[in-house]
N, C-alpha and C. Protein backbone atom coordinates (compact mmCIF):
# COMPACT_ATOMS: atom_id res chain seq x y z
N MET A 1 0.86 -1.18 0.00
CA MET A 1 0.00 0.00 0.00
C MET A 1 0.90 1.23 0.00
N ASN A 2 0.69 2.11 -0.96
CA ASN A 2 1.44 3.37 -1.04
C ASN A 2 0.66 4.47 -0.35
N GLU A 3 1.39 5.33 0.34
CA GLU A 3 0.79 6.50 0.98
C GLU A 3 1.69 7.70 0.70
N HIS A 4 1.05 8.85 0.55
CA HIS A 4 1.83 10.06 0.36
C HIS A 4 1.03 11.26 0.86
N SER A 5 1.74 12.23 1.44
CA SER A 5 1.10 13.45 1.93
C SER A 5 2.06 14.62 1.75
N GLN A 6 1.50 15.77 1.41
CA GLN A 6 2.25 17.02 1.33
C GLN A 6 1.40 18.15 1.89
N SER A 7 2.07 19.21 2.31
CA SER A 7 1.38 20.37 2.87
C SER A 7 1.88 21.64 2.23
N ILE A 8 1.03 22.68 2.31
CA ILE A 8 1.41 23.99 1.81
C ILE A 8 0.72 25.05 2.67
N ASP A 9 1.44 26.14 2.93
CA ASP A 9 0.85 27.26 3.66
C ASP A 9 0.20 28.21 2.65
N ILE A 10 -1.01 28.65 2.98
CA ILE A 10 -1.77 29.52 2.09
C ILE A 10 -2.28 30.72 2.87
N SER A 11 -2.18 31.89 2.28
CA SER A 11 -2.70 33.11 2.90
C SER A 11 -4.19 33.24 2.58
N ALA A 12 -4.97 32.37 3.21
CA ALA A 12 -6.43 32.36 3.07
C ALA A 12 -6.99 31.70 4.32
N SER A 13 -8.25 31.95 4.59
CA SER A 13 -8.86 31.37 5.78
C SER A 13 -9.07 29.86 5.59
N PRO A 14 -9.11 29.12 6.67
CA PRO A 14 -9.44 27.69 6.57
C PRO A 14 -10.79 27.46 5.88
N GLU A 15 -11.74 28.34 6.12
CA GLU A 15 -13.06 28.21 5.50
C GLU A 15 -12.98 28.31 3.98
N GLU A 16 -12.18 29.27 3.48
CA GLU A 16 -12.01 29.42 2.03
C GLU A 16 -11.33 28.19 1.43
N ALA A 17 -10.30 27.70 2.10
CA ALA A 17 -9.59 26.52 1.60
C ALA A 17 -10.51 25.31 1.61
N PHE A 18 -11.28 25.13 2.66
CA PHE A 18 -12.20 23.99 2.74
C PHE A 18 -13.23 24.04 1.62
N ARG A 19 -13.80 25.22 1.40
CA ARG A 19 -14.78 25.35 0.31
C ARG A 19 -14.17 24.95 -1.03
N SER A 20 -12.94 25.33 -1.25
CA SER A 20 -12.28 25.02 -2.52
C SER A 20 -12.00 23.53 -2.69
N VAL A 21 -11.45 22.87 -1.67
CA VAL A 21 -11.12 21.45 -1.83
C VAL A 21 -12.35 20.56 -1.83
N SER A 22 -13.45 21.04 -1.29
CA SER A 22 -14.67 20.22 -1.28
C SER A 22 -15.62 20.57 -2.43
N ASP A 23 -15.21 21.46 -3.32
CA ASP A 23 -16.00 21.81 -4.49
C ASP A 23 -15.55 20.92 -5.65
N LEU A 24 -16.03 19.66 -5.65
CA LEU A 24 -15.56 18.69 -6.63
C LEU A 24 -15.82 19.09 -8.08
N PRO A 25 -16.94 19.70 -8.43
CA PRO A 25 -17.09 20.11 -9.82
C PRO A 25 -16.00 21.08 -10.29
N ALA A 26 -15.41 21.84 -9.37
CA ALA A 26 -14.39 22.83 -9.75
C ALA A 26 -12.96 22.34 -9.52
N MET A 27 -12.79 21.14 -8.97
CA MET A 27 -11.45 20.66 -8.61
C MET A 27 -10.51 20.58 -9.81
N GLY A 28 -11.05 20.43 -11.00
CA GLY A 28 -10.22 20.34 -12.20
C GLY A 28 -9.35 21.56 -12.44
N GLN A 29 -9.69 22.70 -11.84
CA GLN A 29 -8.86 23.89 -12.03
C GLN A 29 -7.56 23.82 -11.23
N TYR A 30 -7.46 22.88 -10.30
CA TYR A 30 -6.25 22.74 -9.48
C TYR A 30 -5.44 21.51 -9.87
N SER A 31 -6.10 20.42 -10.16
CA SER A 31 -5.46 19.12 -10.37
C SER A 31 -4.95 18.93 -11.79
N PRO A 32 -3.77 18.31 -11.95
CA PRO A 32 -3.28 18.01 -13.29
C PRO A 32 -3.97 16.79 -13.92
N GLU A 33 -4.76 16.08 -13.15
CA GLU A 33 -5.41 14.87 -13.66
C GLU A 33 -6.93 14.92 -13.57
N ASN A 34 -7.44 15.40 -12.47
CA ASN A 34 -8.90 15.48 -12.32
C ASN A 34 -9.41 16.63 -13.18
N THR A 35 -10.50 16.39 -13.90
CA THR A 35 -11.05 17.43 -14.76
C THR A 35 -12.39 17.95 -14.25
N GLY A 36 -12.77 17.51 -13.07
CA GLY A 36 -14.03 17.97 -12.47
C GLY A 36 -14.82 16.81 -11.92
N GLY A 37 -16.05 17.07 -11.61
CA GLY A 37 -16.89 16.02 -11.05
C GLY A 37 -18.33 16.49 -10.95
N GLU A 38 -19.17 15.55 -10.61
CA GLU A 38 -20.58 15.89 -10.41
C GLU A 38 -21.14 15.08 -9.25
N TRP A 39 -22.00 15.72 -8.50
CA TRP A 39 -22.63 15.07 -7.36
C TRP A 39 -23.64 14.05 -7.87
N ILE A 40 -23.69 12.90 -7.24
CA ILE A 40 -24.59 11.84 -7.66
C ILE A 40 -25.91 11.88 -6.88
N ASN A 41 -25.83 11.93 -5.58
CA ASN A 41 -27.03 11.83 -4.76
C ASN A 41 -27.27 13.06 -3.89
N ALA A 42 -26.75 14.20 -4.32
CA ALA A 42 -26.91 15.45 -3.56
C ALA A 42 -26.52 16.61 -4.46
N SER A 43 -26.69 17.82 -3.95
CA SER A 43 -26.30 19.00 -4.73
C SER A 43 -25.01 19.62 -4.21
N GLY A 44 -24.38 18.98 -3.24
CA GLY A 44 -23.14 19.49 -2.68
C GLY A 44 -22.55 18.50 -1.70
N PRO A 45 -21.41 18.83 -1.14
CA PRO A 45 -20.71 17.89 -0.27
C PRO A 45 -21.35 17.74 1.11
N ALA A 46 -21.33 16.51 1.60
CA ALA A 46 -21.77 16.16 2.95
C ALA A 46 -21.31 14.73 3.21
N LEU A 47 -21.27 14.34 4.44
CA LEU A 47 -20.87 12.99 4.80
C LEU A 47 -21.77 11.98 4.10
N GLY A 48 -21.17 10.99 3.44
CA GLY A 48 -21.93 9.94 2.77
C GLY A 48 -22.33 10.24 1.34
N VAL A 49 -22.16 11.48 0.90
CA VAL A 49 -22.53 11.86 -0.46
C VAL A 49 -21.56 11.21 -1.45
N LYS A 50 -22.10 10.78 -2.58
CA LYS A 50 -21.29 10.20 -3.65
C LYS A 50 -21.13 11.20 -4.78
N PHE A 51 -20.01 11.08 -5.48
CA PHE A 51 -19.79 11.92 -6.66
C PHE A 51 -19.05 11.11 -7.71
N LYS A 52 -19.23 11.55 -8.93
CA LYS A 52 -18.53 10.96 -10.07
C LYS A 52 -17.42 11.92 -10.45
N GLY A 53 -16.19 11.45 -10.37
CA GLY A 53 -15.04 12.28 -10.74
C GLY A 53 -14.60 11.96 -12.16
N SER A 54 -14.25 12.99 -12.90
CA SER A 54 -13.75 12.83 -14.27
C SER A 54 -12.25 13.09 -14.26
N ASN A 55 -11.51 12.23 -14.96
CA ASN A 55 -10.05 12.32 -14.95
C ASN A 55 -9.50 12.12 -16.36
N ALA A 56 -8.33 12.69 -16.59
CA ALA A 56 -7.65 12.49 -17.87
C ALA A 56 -6.15 12.55 -17.64
N HIS A 57 -5.44 11.70 -18.37
CA HIS A 57 -3.98 11.69 -18.33
C HIS A 57 -3.51 11.27 -19.71
N GLY A 58 -2.89 12.21 -20.41
CA GLY A 58 -2.48 11.92 -21.78
C GLY A 58 -3.69 11.59 -22.63
N ARG A 59 -3.63 10.47 -23.33
CA ARG A 59 -4.74 10.04 -24.19
C ARG A 59 -5.83 9.31 -23.42
N HIS A 60 -5.59 9.01 -22.16
CA HIS A 60 -6.53 8.23 -21.37
C HIS A 60 -7.47 9.12 -20.58
N SER A 61 -8.74 8.74 -20.52
CA SER A 61 -9.70 9.43 -19.66
C SER A 61 -10.58 8.37 -19.01
N TRP A 62 -11.07 8.68 -17.82
CA TRP A 62 -11.89 7.74 -17.07
C TRP A 62 -12.68 8.48 -16.01
N THR A 63 -13.65 7.80 -15.46
CA THR A 63 -14.41 8.34 -14.34
C THR A 63 -14.26 7.41 -13.15
N THR A 64 -14.48 7.96 -11.99
CA THR A 64 -14.47 7.18 -10.76
C THR A 64 -15.72 7.54 -9.96
N THR A 65 -16.08 6.66 -9.07
CA THR A 65 -17.16 6.96 -8.13
C THR A 65 -16.55 7.01 -6.74
N ALA A 66 -16.85 8.07 -6.03
CA ALA A 66 -16.27 8.27 -4.70
C ALA A 66 -17.36 8.57 -3.69
N THR A 67 -17.06 8.27 -2.45
CA THR A 67 -17.97 8.55 -1.33
C THR A 67 -17.23 9.41 -0.31
N ILE A 68 -17.86 10.49 0.11
CA ILE A 68 -17.26 11.34 1.14
C ILE A 68 -17.35 10.60 2.47
N VAL A 69 -16.18 10.40 3.10
CA VAL A 69 -16.12 9.64 4.36
C VAL A 69 -15.76 10.52 5.55
N VAL A 70 -15.27 11.73 5.29
CA VAL A 70 -15.00 12.71 6.36
C VAL A 70 -15.46 14.06 5.83
N PHE A 71 -16.28 14.73 6.60
CA PHE A 71 -16.75 16.06 6.24
C PHE A 71 -16.88 16.87 7.52
N THR A 72 -15.81 17.59 7.85
CA THR A 72 -15.75 18.37 9.09
C THR A 72 -15.28 19.78 8.76
N PRO A 73 -16.18 20.64 8.23
CA PRO A 73 -15.79 22.00 7.89
C PRO A 73 -15.31 22.76 9.12
N PRO A 74 -14.29 23.55 9.03
CA PRO A 74 -13.41 23.80 7.90
C PRO A 74 -12.09 23.05 7.99
N SER A 75 -12.06 21.89 8.70
CA SER A 75 -10.76 21.28 8.97
C SER A 75 -10.46 19.96 8.27
N ALA A 76 -11.46 19.21 7.83
CA ALA A 76 -11.14 17.89 7.26
C ALA A 76 -12.17 17.47 6.22
N PHE A 77 -11.66 16.94 5.11
CA PHE A 77 -12.48 16.46 4.01
C PHE A 77 -11.78 15.25 3.40
N ALA A 78 -12.49 14.14 3.28
CA ALA A 78 -11.87 12.95 2.70
C ALA A 78 -12.91 12.16 1.92
N PHE A 79 -12.43 11.49 0.88
CA PHE A 79 -13.31 10.62 0.10
C PHE A 79 -12.55 9.36 -0.30
N GLU A 80 -13.33 8.30 -0.52
CA GLU A 80 -12.76 7.03 -0.92
C GLU A 80 -13.29 6.63 -2.29
N ILE A 81 -12.38 6.10 -3.10
CA ILE A 81 -12.71 5.60 -4.43
C ILE A 81 -12.82 4.09 -4.31
N THR A 82 -13.90 3.53 -4.84
CA THR A 82 -14.08 2.09 -4.86
C THR A 82 -14.53 1.65 -6.25
N VAL A 83 -14.27 0.41 -6.55
CA VAL A 83 -14.82 -0.24 -7.74
C VAL A 83 -15.52 -1.48 -7.21
N GLY A 84 -16.85 -1.43 -7.22
CA GLY A 84 -17.60 -2.51 -6.58
C GLY A 84 -17.20 -2.57 -5.11
N PRO A 85 -16.88 -3.76 -4.60
CA PRO A 85 -16.48 -3.86 -3.19
C PRO A 85 -14.99 -3.56 -2.96
N ALA A 86 -14.23 -3.39 -4.04
CA ALA A 86 -12.77 -3.19 -3.91
C ALA A 86 -12.43 -1.73 -3.63
N LYS A 87 -11.65 -1.52 -2.58
CA LYS A 87 -11.17 -0.17 -2.27
C LYS A 87 -9.99 0.15 -3.19
N VAL A 88 -10.03 1.33 -3.80
CA VAL A 88 -8.99 1.76 -4.72
C VAL A 88 -8.06 2.76 -4.05
N SER A 89 -8.63 3.84 -3.50
CA SER A 89 -7.79 4.86 -2.88
C SER A 89 -8.62 5.71 -1.92
N ARG A 90 -7.89 6.44 -1.11
CA ARG A 90 -8.50 7.43 -0.21
C ARG A 90 -7.71 8.72 -0.38
N TRP A 91 -8.45 9.81 -0.61
CA TRP A 91 -7.88 11.14 -0.72
C TRP A 91 -8.40 11.97 0.44
N SER A 92 -7.52 12.72 1.08
CA SER A 92 -7.98 13.54 2.20
C SER A 92 -7.26 14.89 2.21
N TYR A 93 -7.98 15.84 2.77
CA TYR A 93 -7.47 17.21 2.94
C TYR A 93 -7.67 17.59 4.39
N ASP A 94 -6.58 17.96 5.03
CA ASP A 94 -6.63 18.46 6.40
C ASP A 94 -6.20 19.92 6.36
N ILE A 95 -6.95 20.76 7.06
CA ILE A 95 -6.71 22.20 7.02
C ILE A 95 -6.60 22.70 8.45
N GLU A 96 -5.49 23.37 8.71
CA GLU A 96 -5.30 23.94 10.05
C GLU A 96 -5.01 25.42 9.94
N SER A 97 -5.49 26.14 10.91
CA SER A 97 -5.28 27.58 10.96
C SER A 97 -3.82 27.87 11.28
N THR A 98 -3.27 28.92 10.65
CA THR A 98 -1.92 29.39 10.95
C THR A 98 -2.01 30.90 11.20
N PRO A 99 -0.97 31.49 11.72
CA PRO A 99 -1.01 32.95 11.95
C PRO A 99 -1.23 33.76 10.66
N THR A 100 -0.86 33.21 9.51
CA THR A 100 -0.99 33.94 8.25
C THR A 100 -2.09 33.40 7.34
N GLY A 101 -2.88 32.47 7.82
CA GLY A 101 -3.95 31.88 7.01
C GLY A 101 -4.22 30.44 7.40
N CYS A 102 -3.73 29.50 6.54
CA CYS A 102 -3.95 28.09 6.86
C CYS A 102 -2.88 27.23 6.21
N ARG A 103 -2.78 26.02 6.72
CA ARG A 103 -1.93 24.99 6.11
C ARG A 103 -2.86 23.91 5.60
N VAL A 104 -2.74 23.58 4.30
CA VAL A 104 -3.55 22.53 3.69
C VAL A 104 -2.64 21.33 3.43
N SER A 105 -3.05 20.17 3.92
CA SER A 105 -2.33 18.93 3.67
C SER A 105 -3.21 18.03 2.82
N GLU A 106 -2.66 17.56 1.72
CA GLU A 106 -3.37 16.61 0.86
C GLU A 106 -2.68 15.26 1.00
N SER A 107 -3.48 14.22 1.24
CA SER A 107 -2.94 12.88 1.43
C SER A 107 -3.64 11.89 0.51
N TRP A 108 -2.89 10.86 0.14
CA TRP A 108 -3.39 9.82 -0.75
C TRP A 108 -2.93 8.47 -0.23
N ILE A 109 -3.85 7.53 -0.19
CA ILE A 109 -3.53 6.15 0.15
C ILE A 109 -4.00 5.29 -1.02
N ASP A 110 -3.07 4.57 -1.62
CA ASP A 110 -3.38 3.64 -2.70
C ASP A 110 -3.73 2.31 -2.05
N ARG A 111 -4.98 1.89 -2.17
CA ARG A 111 -5.44 0.67 -1.52
C ARG A 111 -5.55 -0.52 -2.48
N ARG A 112 -5.09 -0.33 -3.71
CA ARG A 112 -5.17 -1.42 -4.68
C ARG A 112 -4.15 -2.50 -4.34
N GLY A 113 -4.50 -3.73 -4.69
CA GLY A 113 -3.57 -4.84 -4.54
C GLY A 113 -2.56 -4.84 -5.66
N ALA A 114 -1.58 -5.72 -5.58
CA ALA A 114 -0.50 -5.77 -6.56
C ALA A 114 -1.01 -6.03 -7.98
N ILE A 115 -1.97 -6.90 -8.13
CA ILE A 115 -2.48 -7.21 -9.48
C ILE A 115 -3.19 -5.99 -10.06
N ALA A 116 -3.99 -5.31 -9.27
CA ALA A 116 -4.69 -4.11 -9.77
C ALA A 116 -3.70 -3.01 -10.13
N ARG A 117 -2.65 -2.85 -9.33
CA ARG A 117 -1.62 -1.84 -9.64
C ARG A 117 -0.90 -2.19 -10.95
N TRP A 118 -0.58 -3.46 -11.14
CA TRP A 118 0.09 -3.91 -12.35
C TRP A 118 -0.80 -3.66 -13.58
N ALA A 119 -2.08 -4.04 -13.49
CA ALA A 119 -3.00 -3.86 -14.61
C ALA A 119 -3.18 -2.38 -14.95
N ALA A 120 -3.29 -1.54 -13.94
CA ALA A 120 -3.45 -0.10 -14.17
C ALA A 120 -2.20 0.48 -14.83
N LYS A 121 -1.04 0.05 -14.40
CA LYS A 121 0.20 0.55 -14.98
C LYS A 121 0.30 0.17 -16.46
N ARG A 122 -0.08 -1.04 -16.80
CA ARG A 122 -0.06 -1.48 -18.21
C ARG A 122 -1.05 -0.67 -19.05
N SER A 123 -2.23 -0.42 -18.50
CA SER A 123 -3.25 0.29 -19.28
C SER A 123 -2.96 1.78 -19.41
N MET A 124 -2.15 2.32 -18.54
CA MET A 124 -1.86 3.76 -18.55
C MET A 124 -0.48 4.06 -19.14
N GLY A 125 0.05 3.15 -19.95
CA GLY A 125 1.34 3.42 -20.60
C GLY A 125 2.51 3.39 -19.64
N LYS A 126 2.46 2.49 -18.69
CA LYS A 126 3.55 2.26 -17.73
C LYS A 126 3.79 3.43 -16.77
N ILE A 127 2.78 4.23 -16.55
CA ILE A 127 2.89 5.32 -15.58
C ILE A 127 2.93 4.72 -14.18
N ASP A 128 3.87 5.15 -13.38
CA ASP A 128 3.95 4.73 -11.99
C ASP A 128 3.02 5.63 -11.19
N ARG A 129 1.91 5.09 -10.73
CA ARG A 129 0.88 5.88 -10.05
C ARG A 129 1.44 6.59 -8.83
N ALA A 130 2.22 5.92 -8.02
CA ALA A 130 2.75 6.56 -6.81
C ALA A 130 3.66 7.73 -7.17
N GLU A 131 4.56 7.52 -8.13
CA GLU A 131 5.46 8.59 -8.54
C GLU A 131 4.67 9.77 -9.13
N PHE A 132 3.71 9.46 -9.98
CA PHE A 132 2.89 10.53 -10.57
C PHE A 132 2.11 11.28 -9.50
N THR A 133 1.58 10.55 -8.52
CA THR A 133 0.75 11.18 -7.49
C THR A 133 1.55 12.15 -6.63
N VAL A 134 2.81 11.85 -6.36
CA VAL A 134 3.66 12.77 -5.61
C VAL A 134 3.71 14.12 -6.34
N GLN A 135 3.94 14.09 -7.64
CA GLN A 135 3.99 15.32 -8.44
C GLN A 135 2.61 15.97 -8.52
N SER A 136 1.58 15.16 -8.68
CA SER A 136 0.21 15.65 -8.82
C SER A 136 -0.25 16.40 -7.57
N ILE A 137 0.05 15.84 -6.42
CA ILE A 137 -0.34 16.50 -5.16
C ILE A 137 0.36 17.85 -5.04
N ARG A 138 1.64 17.90 -5.33
CA ARG A 138 2.38 19.16 -5.25
C ARG A 138 1.76 20.20 -6.18
N GLU A 139 1.47 19.79 -7.42
CA GLU A 139 0.89 20.72 -8.39
C GLU A 139 -0.50 21.17 -7.96
N THR A 140 -1.30 20.26 -7.44
CA THR A 140 -2.64 20.61 -6.97
C THR A 140 -2.57 21.63 -5.85
N LEU A 141 -1.69 21.40 -4.88
CA LEU A 141 -1.56 22.33 -3.75
C LEU A 141 -1.05 23.70 -4.21
N GLU A 142 -0.09 23.71 -5.12
CA GLU A 142 0.42 24.99 -5.62
C GLU A 142 -0.66 25.76 -6.39
N ASN A 143 -1.46 25.05 -7.18
CA ASN A 143 -2.54 25.69 -7.91
C ASN A 143 -3.62 26.21 -6.96
N LEU A 144 -3.92 25.44 -5.93
CA LEU A 144 -4.89 25.87 -4.91
C LEU A 144 -4.39 27.15 -4.24
N LYS A 145 -3.13 27.17 -3.86
CA LYS A 145 -2.53 28.35 -3.24
C LYS A 145 -2.64 29.56 -4.15
N SER A 146 -2.26 29.41 -5.41
CA SER A 146 -2.33 30.52 -6.38
C SER A 146 -3.76 31.05 -6.49
N HIS A 147 -4.70 30.13 -6.60
CA HIS A 147 -6.11 30.52 -6.74
C HIS A 147 -6.60 31.29 -5.51
N LEU A 148 -6.34 30.75 -4.33
CA LEU A 148 -6.85 31.38 -3.11
C LEU A 148 -6.15 32.69 -2.79
N GLU A 149 -4.90 32.79 -3.10
CA GLU A 149 -4.19 34.03 -2.79
C GLU A 149 -4.47 35.12 -3.81
N ARG A 150 -5.01 34.79 -4.96
CA ARG A 150 -5.46 35.79 -5.94
C ARG A 150 -6.85 36.31 -5.60
N ALA A 151 -7.62 35.47 -4.97
CA ALA A 151 -9.04 35.80 -4.69
C ALA A 151 -9.17 36.99 -3.77
């Protein structure tokens, strides 16, 4: 199981950061892979709500179904991706107040087994998901910071 987490300090309130990371339809403006999403059983985020995420990487595009498993404004937001009964990943955002705004930490846990990781790597042109995700998280956090500090 791969895990990775990074943090960034942002000159914005925890409430503003929380609103941004939990706005799944708009997440594509920060992420190098996610292109947005849509709520499935609600009109916005809440504990237990499901959403369909849209993703693209190179020539490949796909959707995922996720369930919000932590929703504690303005400090914690997490969702899990599953395929049927199989857990794929967990993404989480923790937000803490700082003297100059907030610190946002984005974390990822890859819950796929070895066979699923191997199959995904073959279908995605030998992309190493863990290596890509390290870069993706950094880019997402930097884009979030730029967006919030311009606002």
